[in-house]
């Protein structure tokens, strides 16, 4: 089993979940500057797509900076051959690790037999891990998944995955059916830790964690090696630095984020993606609703900066 960078992490370590149209190169660059976690993930990318004529359009999701290391590239798919080929490509791109998505509930992904659909097909799931490892060489391969599809089958499912010996398993402590509508079941993480004990595979817990303090409690209670954060990062690139910025700083960094998005991704992605971030940055203060309303109509970083300069008199240092 290749564990690579995983062996060098503290215990417990903290990492940021891959989230489509959220944890892109621009946001990760900002996070790495203001509150870098122990590990970062790319957005997930189709392994089939990476082996198609549309590869170049997808590679923008694998854009990263050395400041983000260690960084893991996540792929999804249900064809071992393209998983192997895409894993080899990821190695060429210099990523620290490769992660296979086996938990995404998106119907388009599941129709391919990928994402959460693999929970119902453990034989194929193990083939895919083996194929990724074949393409990865010395680069470690991990899996991100859920506790089950319609019902919790964590013991059976984790036991199956361990047969393929991934370097790590990130367990989102909900089933596919539950989505994120119920509290995360951290007892399932504890059970996964017990099953994996002695296997060499690390267990990362994921679900409903809002702060490093809470993450340490979850890790202590479950025995997991690391904790993955998700939605708590919205509007809060300081999350892993465990500090609360002043409003002036939050708005300044919001403009910096918009500028980074435009510079890094503007030719490839619509600026409207930034709106979900504006809604998160601009909250919890007098006038927040009015500011959000204006920001939601912006079409570029200059407009964002102009509005914030006018309404809140931040500096142009960003």
C-alpha atoms as a PDB file:
ATOM      1  CA  UNK A   1       0.000   0.000   0.000  1.00  0.00           C
ATOM      2  CA  UNK A   2       1.355   3.414  -1.002  1.00  0.00           C
ATOM      3  CA  UNK A   3       0.597   6.000   1.687  1.00  0.00           C
ATOM      4  CA  UNK A   4       2.880   8.814   0.457  1.00  0.00           C
ATOM      5  CA  UNK A   5       2.042  12.202   1.977  1.00  0.00           C
ATOM      6  CA  UNK A   6      -0.569  10.634   4.288  1.00  0.00           C
ATOM      7  CA  UNK A   7       2.258   9.338   6.500  1.00  0.00           C
ATOM      8  CA  UNK A   8       3.499  12.885   7.129  1.00  0.00           C
ATOM      9  CA  UNK A   9       0.238  14.351   8.396  1.00  0.00           C
ATOM     10  CA  UNK A  10      -0.444  15.170  12.060  1.00  0.00           C
ATOM     11  CA  UNK A  11      -3.095  13.254  13.973  1.00  0.00           C
ATOM     12  CA  UNK A  12      -5.789  14.256  13.750  1.00  0.00           C
ATOM     13  CA  UNK A  13      -5.349  16.076  10.448  1.00  0.00           C
ATOM     14  CA  UNK A  14      -7.898  18.426   8.925  1.00  0.00           C
ATOM     15  CA  UNK A  15      -8.815  18.590   5.247  1.00  0.00           C
ATOM     16  CA  UNK A  16     -11.250  20.367   2.955  1.00  0.00           C
ATOM     17  CA  UNK A  17     -13.888  18.457   1.003  1.00  0.00           C
ATOM     18  CA  UNK A  18     -14.066  18.617  -2.782  1.00  0.00           C
ATOM     19  CA  UNK A  19     -17.168  20.634  -3.669  1.00  0.00           C
ATOM     20  CA  UNK A  20     -18.215  21.265  -7.272  1.00  0.00           C
ATOM     21  CA  UNK A  21     -18.204  24.949  -8.238  1.00  0.00           C
ATOM     22  CA  UNK A  22     -17.006  25.848  -4.750  1.00  0.00           C
ATOM     23  CA  UNK A  23     -13.497  24.585  -4.052  1.00  0.00           C
ATOM     24  CA  UNK A  24     -12.097  25.707  -7.394  1.00  0.00           C
ATOM     25  CA  UNK A  25      -8.554  26.995  -7.956  1.00  0.00           C
ATOM     26  CA  UNK A  26      -9.480  30.562  -6.969  1.00  0.00           C
ATOM     27  CA  UNK A  27     -11.079  29.682  -3.632  1.00  0.00           C
ATOM     28  CA  UNK A  28      -8.354  27.180  -2.765  1.00  0.00           C
ATOM     29  CA  UNK A  29      -5.711  29.830  -3.460  1.00  0.00           C
ATOM     30  CA  UNK A  30      -7.441  32.168  -0.994  1.00  0.00           C
ATOM     31  CA  UNK A  31      -7.851  29.409   1.596  1.00  0.00           C
ATOM     32  CA  UNK A  32      -4.177  28.416   1.291  1.00  0.00           C
ATOM     33  CA  UNK A  33      -3.243  32.040   2.026  1.00  0.00           C
ATOM     34  CA  UNK A  34      -5.508  32.706   4.998  1.00  0.00           C
ATOM     35  CA  UNK A  35      -6.120  29.345   6.672  1.00  0.00           C
ATOM     36  CA  UNK A  36      -4.562  26.352   4.975  1.00  0.00           C
ATOM     37  CA  UNK A  37      -5.794  22.884   6.045  1.00  0.00           C
ATOM     38  CA  UNK A  38      -3.460  19.894   6.218  1.00  0.00           C
ATOM     39  CA  UNK A  39      -4.792  18.596   2.866  1.00  0.00           C
ATOM     40  CA  UNK A  40      -6.760  20.167   0.019  1.00  0.00           C
ATOM     41  CA  UNK A  41      -8.848  18.444  -2.668  1.00  0.00           C
ATOM     42  CA  UNK A  42      -9.594  19.491  -6.240  1.00  0.00           C
ATOM     43  CA  UNK A  43     -13.145  19.581  -7.536  1.00  0.00           C
ATOM     44  CA  UNK A  44     -14.174  16.183  -8.903  1.00  0.00           C
ATOM     45  CA  UNK A  45     -13.587  15.484 -12.586  1.00  0.00           C
ATOM     46  CA  UNK A  46     -14.934  12.772 -14.888  1.00  0.00           C
ATOM     47  CA  UNK A  47     -12.360  10.088 -15.655  1.00  0.00           C
ATOM     48  CA  UNK A  48     -14.185   9.358 -18.915  1.00  0.00           C
ATOM     49  CA  UNK A  49     -14.100  13.041 -19.813  1.00  0.00           C
ATOM     50  CA  UNK A  50     -10.371  13.226 -19.176  1.00  0.00           C
ATOM     51  CA  UNK A  51      -9.897  10.554 -21.827  1.00  0.00           C
ATOM     52  CA  UNK A  52     -12.134  12.273 -24.376  1.00  0.00           C
ATOM     53  CA  UNK A  53     -11.817  15.099 -26.882  1.00  0.00           C
ATOM     54  CA  UNK A  54     -13.129  17.427 -24.173  1.00  0.00           C
ATOM     55  CA  UNK A  55     -10.124  16.885 -21.893  1.00  0.00           C
ATOM     56  CA  UNK A  56      -8.788  20.440 -22.190  1.00  0.00           C
ATOM     57  CA  UNK A  57     -12.014  21.964 -20.856  1.00  0.00           C
ATOM     58  CA  UNK A  58     -11.893  19.688 -17.823  1.00  0.00           C
ATOM     59  CA  UNK A  59      -8.252  20.268 -16.985  1.00  0.00           C
ATOM     60  CA  UNK A  60      -9.075  23.732 -15.634  1.00  0.00           C
ATOM     61  CA  UNK A  61     -10.524  21.906 -12.603  1.00  0.00           C
ATOM     62  CA  UNK A  62      -7.056  20.460 -12.005  1.00  0.00           C
ATOM     63  CA  UNK A  63      -5.364  23.859 -11.930  1.00  0.00           C
ATOM     64  CA  UNK A  64      -3.481  24.283  -8.650  1.00  0.00           C
ATOM     65  CA  UNK A  65      -0.602  26.171  -7.068  1.00  0.00           C
ATOM     66  CA  UNK A  66       2.319  24.821  -5.054  1.00  0.00           C
ATOM     67  CA  UNK A  67       0.987  26.737  -2.037  1.00  0.00           C
ATOM     68  CA  UNK A  68      -1.882  24.226  -1.910  1.00  0.00           C
ATOM     69  CA  UNK A  69       0.273  21.128  -1.395  1.00  0.00           C
ATOM     70  CA  UNK A  70      -0.447  18.456  -0.385  1.00  0.00           C
ATOM     71  CA  UNK A  71      -3.359  18.433  -2.800  1.00  0.00           C
ATOM     72  CA  UNK A  72      -5.430  15.459  -3.933  1.00  0.00           C
ATOM     73  CA  UNK A  73      -7.118  15.220  -7.341  1.00  0.00           C
ATOM     74  CA  UNK A  74     -10.559  13.642  -7.230  1.00  0.00           C
ATOM     75  CA  UNK A  75     -12.055  11.721 -10.144  1.00  0.00           C
ATOM     76  CA  UNK A  76     -15.267   9.798 -10.700  1.00  0.00           C
ATOM     77  CA  UNK A  77     -16.219   7.077 -13.132  1.00  0.00           C
ATOM     78  CA  UNK A  78     -17.312   3.479 -13.532  1.00  0.00           C
ATOM     79  CA  UNK A  79     -14.862   2.264 -16.191  1.00  0.00           C
ATOM     80  CA  UNK A  80     -11.616   0.855 -14.775  1.00  0.00           C
ATOM     81  CA  UNK A  81      -9.728   1.600 -17.992  1.00  0.00           C
ATOM     82  CA  UNK A  82     -10.403   5.345 -17.908  1.00  0.00           C
ATOM     83  CA  UNK A  83      -9.820   5.431 -14.141  1.00  0.00           C
ATOM     84  CA  UNK A  84      -6.365   3.922 -14.713  1.00  0.00           C
ATOM     85  CA  UNK A  85      -5.554   6.288 -17.586  1.00  0.00           C
ATOM     86  CA  UNK A  86      -6.771   9.332 -15.683  1.00  0.00           C
ATOM     87  CA  UNK A  87      -4.803   8.304 -12.610  1.00  0.00           C
ATOM     88  CA  UNK A  88      -1.657   8.207 -14.719  1.00  0.00           C
ATOM     89  CA  UNK A  89      -2.501  11.696 -16.015  1.00  0.00           C
ATOM     90  CA  UNK A  90      -2.935  12.976 -12.462  1.00  0.00           C
ATOM     91  CA  UNK A  91       0.510  11.656 -11.604  1.00  0.00           C
ATOM     92  CA  UNK A  92       1.931  13.563 -14.596  1.00  0.00           C
ATOM     93  CA  UNK A  93       0.253  16.719 -13.318  1.00  0.00           C
ATOM     94  CA  UNK A  94       2.126  16.369 -10.031  1.00  0.00           C
ATOM     95  CA  UNK A  95      -0.715  15.881  -7.556  1.00  0.00           C
ATOM     96  CA  UNK A  96       0.042  14.496  -4.106  1.00  0.00           C
ATOM     97  CA  UNK A  97      -2.730  11.896  -4.237  1.00  0.00           C
ATOM     98  CA  UNK A  98      -5.687  10.526  -6.181  1.00  0.00           C
ATOM     99  CA  UNK A  99      -9.172  10.186  -4.716  1.00  0.00           C
ATOM    100  CA  UNK A 100     -12.094   8.259  -6.186  1.00  0.00           C
ATOM    101  CA  UNK A 101     -15.574   9.635  -5.571  1.00  0.00           C
ATOM    102  CA  UNK A 102     -17.921   6.877  -4.433  1.00  0.00           C
ATOM    103  CA  UNK A 103     -20.479   9.054  -2.690  1.00  0.00           C
ATOM    104  CA  UNK A 104     -21.807  11.717  -5.064  1.00  0.00           C
ATOM    105  CA  UNK A 105     -25.634  11.538  -5.269  1.00  0.00           C
ATOM    106  CA  UNK A 106     -25.920  13.499  -8.530  1.00  0.00           C
ATOM    107  CA  UNK A 107     -28.226  11.555 -10.853  1.00  0.00           C
ATOM    108  CA  UNK A 108     -26.123  12.219 -13.945  1.00  0.00           C
ATOM    109  CA  UNK A 109     -23.104  10.737 -12.167  1.00  0.00           C
ATOM    110  CA  UNK A 110     -25.083   7.771 -10.854  1.00  0.00           C
ATOM    111  CA  UNK A 111     -26.510   6.957 -14.289  1.00  0.00           C
ATOM    112  CA  UNK A 112     -22.946   6.186 -15.338  1.00  0.00           C
ATOM    113  CA  UNK A 113     -22.677   3.714 -12.465  1.00  0.00           C
ATOM    114  CA  UNK A 114     -20.314   6.113 -10.682  1.00  0.00           C
ATOM    115  CA  UNK A 115     -20.435   8.117  -7.457  1.00  0.00           C
ATOM    116  CA  UNK A 116     -22.831   6.740  -4.848  1.00  0.00           C
ATOM    117  CA  UNK A 117     -24.023   4.077  -7.311  1.00  0.00           C
ATOM    118  CA  UNK A 118     -20.783   2.192  -6.629  1.00  0.00           C
ATOM    119  CA  UNK A 119     -21.993   1.460  -3.092  1.00  0.00           C
ATOM    120  CA  UNK A 120     -24.422  -0.969  -4.754  1.00  0.00           C
ATOM    121  CA  UNK A 121     -21.637  -2.532  -6.817  1.00  0.00           C
ATOM    122  CA  UNK A 122     -18.752  -3.414  -4.484  1.00  0.00           C
ATOM    123  CA  UNK A 123     -17.090  -5.716  -7.014  1.00  0.00           C
ATOM    124  CA  UNK A 124     -16.762  -2.858  -9.503  1.00  0.00           C
ATOM    125  CA  UNK A 125     -15.709  -0.479  -6.732  1.00  0.00           C
ATOM    126  CA  UNK A 126     -12.772  -2.754  -5.918  1.00  0.00           C
ATOM    127  CA  UNK A 127     -11.854  -3.032  -9.607  1.00  0.00           C
ATOM    128  CA  UNK A 128     -11.818   0.746  -9.859  1.00  0.00           C
ATOM    129  CA  UNK A 129      -9.522   1.138  -6.845  1.00  0.00           C
ATOM    130  CA  UNK A 130      -7.183  -1.471  -8.303  1.00  0.00           C
ATOM    131  CA  UNK A 131      -7.186   0.310 -11.669  1.00  0.00           C
ATOM    132  CA  UNK A 132      -6.443   3.662 -10.030  1.00  0.00           C
ATOM    133  CA  UNK A 133      -3.554   2.134  -8.116  1.00  0.00           C
ATOM    134  CA  UNK A 134      -2.215   0.618 -11.324  1.00  0.00           C
ATOM    135  CA  UNK A 135      -2.174   4.030 -12.985  1.00  0.00           C
ATOM    136  CA  UNK A 136      -0.968   5.860  -9.885  1.00  0.00           C
ATOM    137  CA  UNK A 137       2.300   4.048  -9.313  1.00  0.00           C
ATOM    138  CA  UNK A 138       3.802   5.492  -6.129  1.00  0.00           C
ATOM    139  CA  UNK A 139       1.066   8.105  -5.671  1.00  0.00           C
ATOM    140  CA  UNK A 140      -1.476   7.092  -2.972  1.00  0.00           C
ATOM    141  CA  UNK A 141      -5.095   6.325  -3.885  1.00  0.00           C
ATOM    142  CA  UNK A 142      -7.977   7.070  -1.527  1.00  0.00           C
ATOM    143  CA  UNK A 143     -11.782   6.863  -1.616  1.00  0.00           C
ATOM    144  CA  UNK A 144     -14.541   9.232  -0.488  1.00  0.00           C
ATOM    145  CA  UNK A 145     -17.875   7.550   0.159  1.00  0.00           C
ATOM    146  CA  UNK A 146     -20.978   7.311   2.363  1.00  0.00           C
ATOM    147  CA  UNK A 147     -22.298   4.905   4.986  1.00  0.00           C
ATOM    148  CA  UNK A 148     -24.616   3.231   2.495  1.00  0.00           C
ATOM    149  CA  UNK A 149     -27.081   3.857  -0.305  1.00  0.00           C
ATOM    150  CA  UNK A 150     -30.636   3.549   1.040  1.00  0.00           C
ATOM    151  CA  UNK A 151     -29.647   2.090   4.401  1.00  0.00           C
ATOM    152  CA  UNK A 152     -26.559   2.136   6.571  1.00  0.00           C
ATOM    153  CA  UNK A 153     -24.302  -0.787   5.621  1.00  0.00           C
ATOM    154  CA  UNK A 154     -21.081   0.698   6.932  1.00  0.00           C
ATOM    155  CA  UNK A 155     -19.595  -2.568   8.230  1.00  0.00           C
ATOM    156  CA  UNK A 156     -20.160  -4.493   5.007  1.00  0.00           C
ATOM    157  CA  UNK A 157     -19.204  -1.594   2.737  1.00  0.00           C
ATOM    158  CA  UNK A 158     -16.017  -0.571   4.543  1.00  0.00           C
ATOM    159  CA  UNK A 159     -14.962  -4.217   4.739  1.00  0.00           C
ATOM    160  CA  UNK A 160     -15.340  -4.486   0.951  1.00  0.00           C
ATOM    161  CA  UNK A 161     -13.319  -1.343   0.302  1.00  0.00           C
ATOM    162  CA  UNK A 162     -10.536  -2.478   2.613  1.00  0.00           C
ATOM    163  CA  UNK A 163     -10.016  -5.536   0.419  1.00  0.00           C
ATOM    164  CA  UNK A 164      -8.690  -3.140  -2.254  1.00  0.00           C
ATOM    165  CA  UNK A 165      -6.343  -1.508   0.286  1.00  0.00           C
ATOM    166  CA  UNK A 166      -6.787   2.216  -0.395  1.00  0.00           C
ATOM    167  CA  UNK A 167      -4.472   4.559   1.504  1.00  0.00           C
ATOM    168  CA  UNK A 168      -7.456   6.291   3.110  1.00  0.00           C
ATOM    169  CA  UNK A 169     -11.250   6.211   3.186  1.00  0.00           C
ATOM    170  CA  UNK A 170     -13.180   9.401   3.826  1.00  0.00           C
ATOM    171  CA  UNK A 171     -16.574   8.498   5.228  1.00  0.00           C
ATOM    172  CA  UNK A 172     -19.389  11.023   4.875  1.00  0.00           C
ATOM    173  CA  UNK A 173     -21.449   9.853   7.820  1.00  0.00           C
ATOM    174  CA  UNK A 174     -24.796   9.755   6.006  1.00  0.00           C
ATOM    175  CA  UNK A 175     -26.348   7.456   3.410  1.00  0.00           C
ATOM    176  CA  UNK A 176     -27.022   8.540  -0.133  1.00  0.00           C
ATOM    177  CA  UNK A 177     -30.752   8.623   0.661  1.00  0.00           C
ATOM    178  CA  UNK A 178     -30.181  10.915   3.640  1.00  0.00           C
ATOM    179  CA  UNK A 179     -28.136  13.368   1.557  1.00  0.00           C
ATOM    180  CA  UNK A 180     -27.355  16.138   4.096  1.00  0.00           C
ATOM    181  CA  UNK A 181     -30.874  16.351   5.522  1.00  0.00           C
ATOM    182  CA  UNK A 182     -30.115  14.635   8.826  1.00  0.00           C
ATOM    183  CA  UNK A 183     -27.315  15.004  11.393  1.00  0.00           C
ATOM    184  CA  UNK A 184     -24.149  13.110  10.536  1.00  0.00           C
ATOM    185  CA  UNK A 185     -23.882   9.709  12.207  1.00  0.00           C
ATOM    186  CA  UNK A 186     -20.425   9.838  13.755  1.00  0.00           C
ATOM    187  CA  UNK A 187     -20.994   6.485  15.424  1.00  0.00           C
ATOM    188  CA  UNK A 188     -20.622   5.054  11.918  1.00  0.00           C
ATOM    189  CA  UNK A 189     -17.204   6.695  11.674  1.00  0.00           C
ATOM    190  CA  UNK A 190     -16.240   5.016  14.949  1.00  0.00           C
ATOM    191  CA  UNK A 191     -17.384   1.679  13.577  1.00  0.00           C
ATOM    192  CA  UNK A 192     -15.386   2.219  10.386  1.00  0.00           C
ATOM    193  CA  UNK A 193     -12.288   2.937  12.485  1.00  0.00           C
ATOM    194  CA  UNK A 194     -12.762  -0.343  14.347  1.00  0.00           C
ATOM    195  CA  UNK A 195     -13.160  -2.284  11.083  1.00  0.00           C
ATOM    196  CA  UNK A 196     -10.075  -0.657   9.533  1.00  0.00           C
ATOM    197  CA  UNK A 197      -7.845  -1.129  12.573  1.00  0.00           C
ATOM    198  CA  UNK A 198      -4.656  -2.939  11.584  1.00  0.00           C
ATOM    199  CA  UNK A 199      -5.361  -2.653   7.843  1.00  0.00           C
ATOM    200  CA  UNK A 200      -3.058   0.318   7.231  1.00  0.00           C
ATOM    201  CA  UNK A 201      -5.952   2.309   5.713  1.00  0.00           C
ATOM    202  CA  UNK A 202      -6.646   5.655   7.361  1.00  0.00           C
ATOM    203  CA  UNK A 203     -10.213   6.700   8.173  1.00  0.00           C
ATOM    204  CA  UNK A 204     -11.297  10.308   7.691  1.00  0.00           C
ATOM    205  CA  UNK A 205     -14.613  11.399   9.180  1.00  0.00           C
ATOM    206  CA  UNK A 206     -16.851  13.871   7.368  1.00  0.00           C
ATOM    207  CA  UNK A 207     -20.175  15.503   8.197  1.00  0.00           C
ATOM    208  CA  UNK A 208     -21.599  18.435  10.184  1.00  0.00           C
ATOM    209  CA  UNK A 209     -18.294  19.741  11.532  1.00  0.00           C
ATOM    210  CA  UNK A 210     -18.175  23.506  11.972  1.00  0.00           C
ATOM    211  CA  UNK A 211     -14.863  24.290  13.687  1.00  0.00           C
ATOM    212  CA  UNK A 212     -11.421  22.844  14.454  1.00  0.00           C
ATOM    213  CA  UNK A 213     -12.465  22.562  18.117  1.00  0.00           C
ATOM    214  CA  UNK A 214     -15.473  20.448  17.183  1.00  0.00           C
ATOM    215  CA  UNK A 215     -13.321  18.400  14.804  1.00  0.00           C
ATOM    216  CA  UNK A 216     -10.904  17.499  17.595  1.00  0.00           C
ATOM    217  CA  UNK A 217     -13.800  16.307  19.729  1.00  0.00           C
ATOM    218  CA  UNK A 218     -15.167  14.208  16.857  1.00  0.00           C
ATOM    219  CA  UNK A 219     -11.732  12.697  16.208  1.00  0.00           C
ATOM    220  CA  UNK A 220     -11.241  11.863  19.879  1.00  0.00           C
ATOM    221  CA  UNK A 221     -14.675  10.259  20.176  1.00  0.00           C
ATOM    222  CA  UNK A 222     -14.473   8.228  16.963  1.00  0.00           C
ATOM    223  CA  UNK A 223     -10.757   7.486  16.829  1.00  0.00           C
ATOM    224  CA  UNK A 224     -10.541   8.638  13.199  1.00  0.00           C
ATOM    225  CA  UNK A 225      -7.226   9.768  11.763  1.00  0.00           C
ATOM    226  CA  UNK A 226      -8.544  12.973  10.249  1.00  0.00           C
ATOM    227  CA  UNK A 227     -11.615  15.135   9.781  1.00  0.00           C
ATOM    228  CA  UNK A 228     -12.907  16.593   6.529  1.00  0.00           C
ATOM    229  CA  UNK A 229     -14.769  19.916   6.549  1.00  0.00           C
ATOM    230  CA  UNK A 230     -17.393  20.892   3.987  1.00  0.00           C
ATOM    231  CA  UNK A 231     -19.910  23.741   4.038  1.00  0.00           C
ATOM    232  CA  UNK A 232     -18.291  25.437   7.058  1.00  0.00           C
ATOM    233  CA  UNK A 233     -15.733  26.915   4.646  1.00  0.00           C
ATOM    234  CA  UNK A 234     -18.325  29.098   2.869  1.00  0.00           C
ATOM    235  CA  UNK A 235     -17.399  32.738   3.360  1.00  0.00           C
ATOM    236  CA  UNK A 236     -14.722  31.698   5.860  1.00  0.00           C
ATOM    237  CA  UNK A 237     -11.257  31.081   4.389  1.00  0.00           C
ATOM    238  CA  UNK A 238      -9.953  31.557   7.957  1.00  0.00           C
ATOM    239  CA  UNK A 239     -11.709  28.374   9.133  1.00  0.00           C
ATOM    240  CA  UNK A 240      -8.570  26.284   9.545  1.00  0.00           C
ATOM    241  CA  UNK A 241      -6.685  29.195  11.120  1.00  0.00           C
ATOM    242  CA  UNK A 242      -9.396  29.138  13.793  1.00  0.00           C
ATOM    243  CA  UNK A 243      -9.878  32.887  13.851  1.00  0.00           C
ATOM    244  CA  UNK A 244     -12.747  35.295  13.261  1.00  0.00           C
ATOM    245  CA  UNK A 245     -11.892  38.174  10.916  1.00  0.00           C
ATOM    246  CA  UNK A 246     -13.238  41.690  11.256  1.00  0.00           C
ATOM    247  CA  UNK A 247     -15.887  42.771   8.760  1.00  0.00           C
ATOM    248  CA  UNK A 248     -13.432  45.006   6.921  1.00  0.00           C
ATOM    249  CA  UNK A 249     -11.088  42.045   6.423  1.00  0.00           C
ATOM    250  CA  UNK A 250     -13.882  39.733   5.323  1.00  0.00           C
ATOM    251  CA  UNK A 251     -15.035  42.127   2.618  1.00  0.00           C
ATOM    252  CA  UNK A 252     -11.492  42.845   1.475  1.00  0.00           C
ATOM    253  CA  UNK A 253     -10.847  39.131   1.022  1.00  0.00           C
ATOM    254  CA  UNK A 254     -14.190  38.723  -0.757  1.00  0.00           C
ATOM    255  CA  UNK A 255     -12.947  41.180  -3.374  1.00  0.00           C
ATOM    256  CA  UNK A 256      -9.603  39.363  -3.516  1.00  0.00           C
ATOM    257  CA  UNK A 257     -11.475  36.099  -4.086  1.00  0.00           C
ATOM    258  CA  UNK A 258     -13.521  37.634  -6.911  1.00  0.00           C
ATOM    259  CA  UNK A 259     -10.331  38.975  -8.468  1.00  0.00           C
ATOM    260  CA  UNK A 260      -8.650  35.564  -8.245  1.00  0.00           C
ATOM    261  CA  UNK A 261     -11.678  33.874  -9.843  1.00  0.00           C
ATOM    262  CA  UNK A 262     -11.618  36.302 -12.747  1.00  0.00           C
ATOM    263  CA  UNK A 263      -7.869  35.989 -13.283  1.00  0.00           C
ATOM    264  CA  UNK A 264      -7.602  32.211 -12.960  1.00  0.00           C
ATOM    265  CA  UNK A 265     -10.950  30.995 -14.269  1.00  0.00           C
ATOM    266  CA  UNK A 266     -12.647  33.892 -16.012  1.00  0.00           C
ATOM    267  CA  UNK A 267     -12.043  32.522 -19.510  1.00  0.00           C
ATOM    268  CA  UNK A 268     -13.488  29.154 -18.549  1.00  0.00           C
ATOM    269  CA  UNK A 269     -16.283  29.697 -16.010  1.00  0.00           C
ATOM    270  CA  UNK A 270     -19.160  32.120 -15.602  1.00  0.00           C
ATOM    271  CA  UNK A 271     -18.683  34.800 -12.954  1.00  0.00           C
ATOM    272  CA  UNK A 272     -22.144  33.955 -11.584  1.00  0.00           C
ATOM    273  CA  UNK A 273     -20.485  31.055  -9.733  1.00  0.00           C
ATOM    274  CA  UNK A 274     -19.171  33.671  -7.307  1.00  0.00           C
ATOM    275  CA  UNK A 275     -22.682  34.558  -6.152  1.00  0.00           C
ATOM    276  CA  UNK A 276     -22.887  31.706  -3.656  1.00  0.00           C
ATOM    277  CA  UNK A 277     -19.668  33.022  -2.122  1.00  0.00           C
ATOM    278  CA  UNK A 278     -20.972  36.599  -1.969  1.00  0.00           C
ATOM    279  CA  UNK A 279     -23.986  35.352  -0.032  1.00  0.00           C
ATOM    280  CA  UNK A 280     -21.664  33.711   2.497  1.00  0.00           C
ATOM    281  CA  UNK A 281     -19.190  36.580   2.897  1.00  0.00           C
ATOM    282  CA  UNK A 282     -21.897  39.245   3.177  1.00  0.00           C
ATOM    283  CA  UNK A 283     -23.923  38.099   6.156  1.00  0.00           C
ATOM    284  CA  UNK A 284     -24.320  38.747   9.862  1.00  0.00           C
ATOM    285  CA  UNK A 285     -23.989  42.546   9.914  1.00  0.00           C
ATOM    286  CA  UNK A 286     -26.160  45.615   9.464  1.00  0.00           C
ATOM    287  CA  UNK A 287     -26.731  46.246   5.781  1.00  0.00           C
ATOM    288  CA  UNK A 288     -25.723  42.723   4.750  1.00  0.00           C
ATOM    289  CA  UNK A 289     -28.960  42.031   2.873  1.00  0.00           C
ATOM    290  CA  UNK A 290     -28.649  45.249   0.864  1.00  0.00           C
ATOM    291  CA  UNK A 291     -25.018  44.495   0.041  1.00  0.00           C
ATOM    292  CA  UNK A 292     -25.848  40.950  -1.043  1.00  0.00           C
ATOM    293  CA  UNK A 293     -28.576  42.230  -3.328  1.00  0.00           C
ATOM    294  CA  UNK A 294     -26.090  44.497  -5.103  1.00  0.00           C
ATOM    295  CA  UNK A 295     -23.395  41.836  -5.303  1.00  0.00           C
ATOM    296  CA  UNK A 296     -25.765  39.341  -6.903  1.00  0.00           C
ATOM    297  CA  UNK A 297     -26.060  41.657  -9.907  1.00  0.00           C
ATOM    298  CA  UNK A 298     -22.317  42.020 -10.484  1.00  0.00           C
ATOM    299  CA  UNK A 299     -20.660  40.598 -13.571  1.00  0.00           C
ATOM    300  CA  UNK A 300     -16.977  41.109 -12.804  1.00  0.00           C
ATOM    301  CA  UNK A 301     -14.505  41.795  -9.998  1.00  0.00           C
ATOM    302  CA  UNK A 302     -14.299  45.528 -10.744  1.00  0.00           C
ATOM    303  CA  UNK A 303     -18.019  45.872 -10.039  1.00  0.00           C
ATOM    304  CA  UNK A 304     -17.642  43.926  -6.785  1.00  0.00           C
ATOM    305  CA  UNK A 305     -14.774  46.127  -5.652  1.00  0.00           C
ATOM    306  CA  UNK A 306     -16.625  49.313  -6.621  1.00  0.00           C
ATOM    307  CA  UNK A 307     -19.697  48.347  -4.580  1.00  0.00           C
ATOM    308  CA  UNK A 308     -17.696  47.376  -1.520  1.00  0.00           C
ATOM    309  CA  UNK A 309     -15.489  50.484  -1.740  1.00  0.00           C
ATOM    310  CA  UNK A 310     -18.556  52.702  -1.954  1.00  0.00           C
ATOM    311  CA  UNK A 311     -20.590  50.981   0.767  1.00  0.00           C
ATOM    312  CA  UNK A 312     -17.874  49.970   3.215  1.00  0.00           C
ATOM    313  CA  UNK A 313     -14.789  52.012   2.292  1.00  0.00           C
ATOM    314  CA  UNK A 314     -12.324  49.107   2.201  1.00  0.00           C
ATOM    315  CA  UNK A 315      -8.830  49.802   0.866  1.00  0.00           C
ATOM    316  CA  UNK A 316      -7.701  48.906  -2.627  1.00  0.00           C
ATOM    317  CA  UNK A 317      -4.819  46.864  -1.246  1.00  0.00           C
ATOM    318  CA  UNK A 318      -6.466  43.632  -2.339  1.00  0.00           C
END
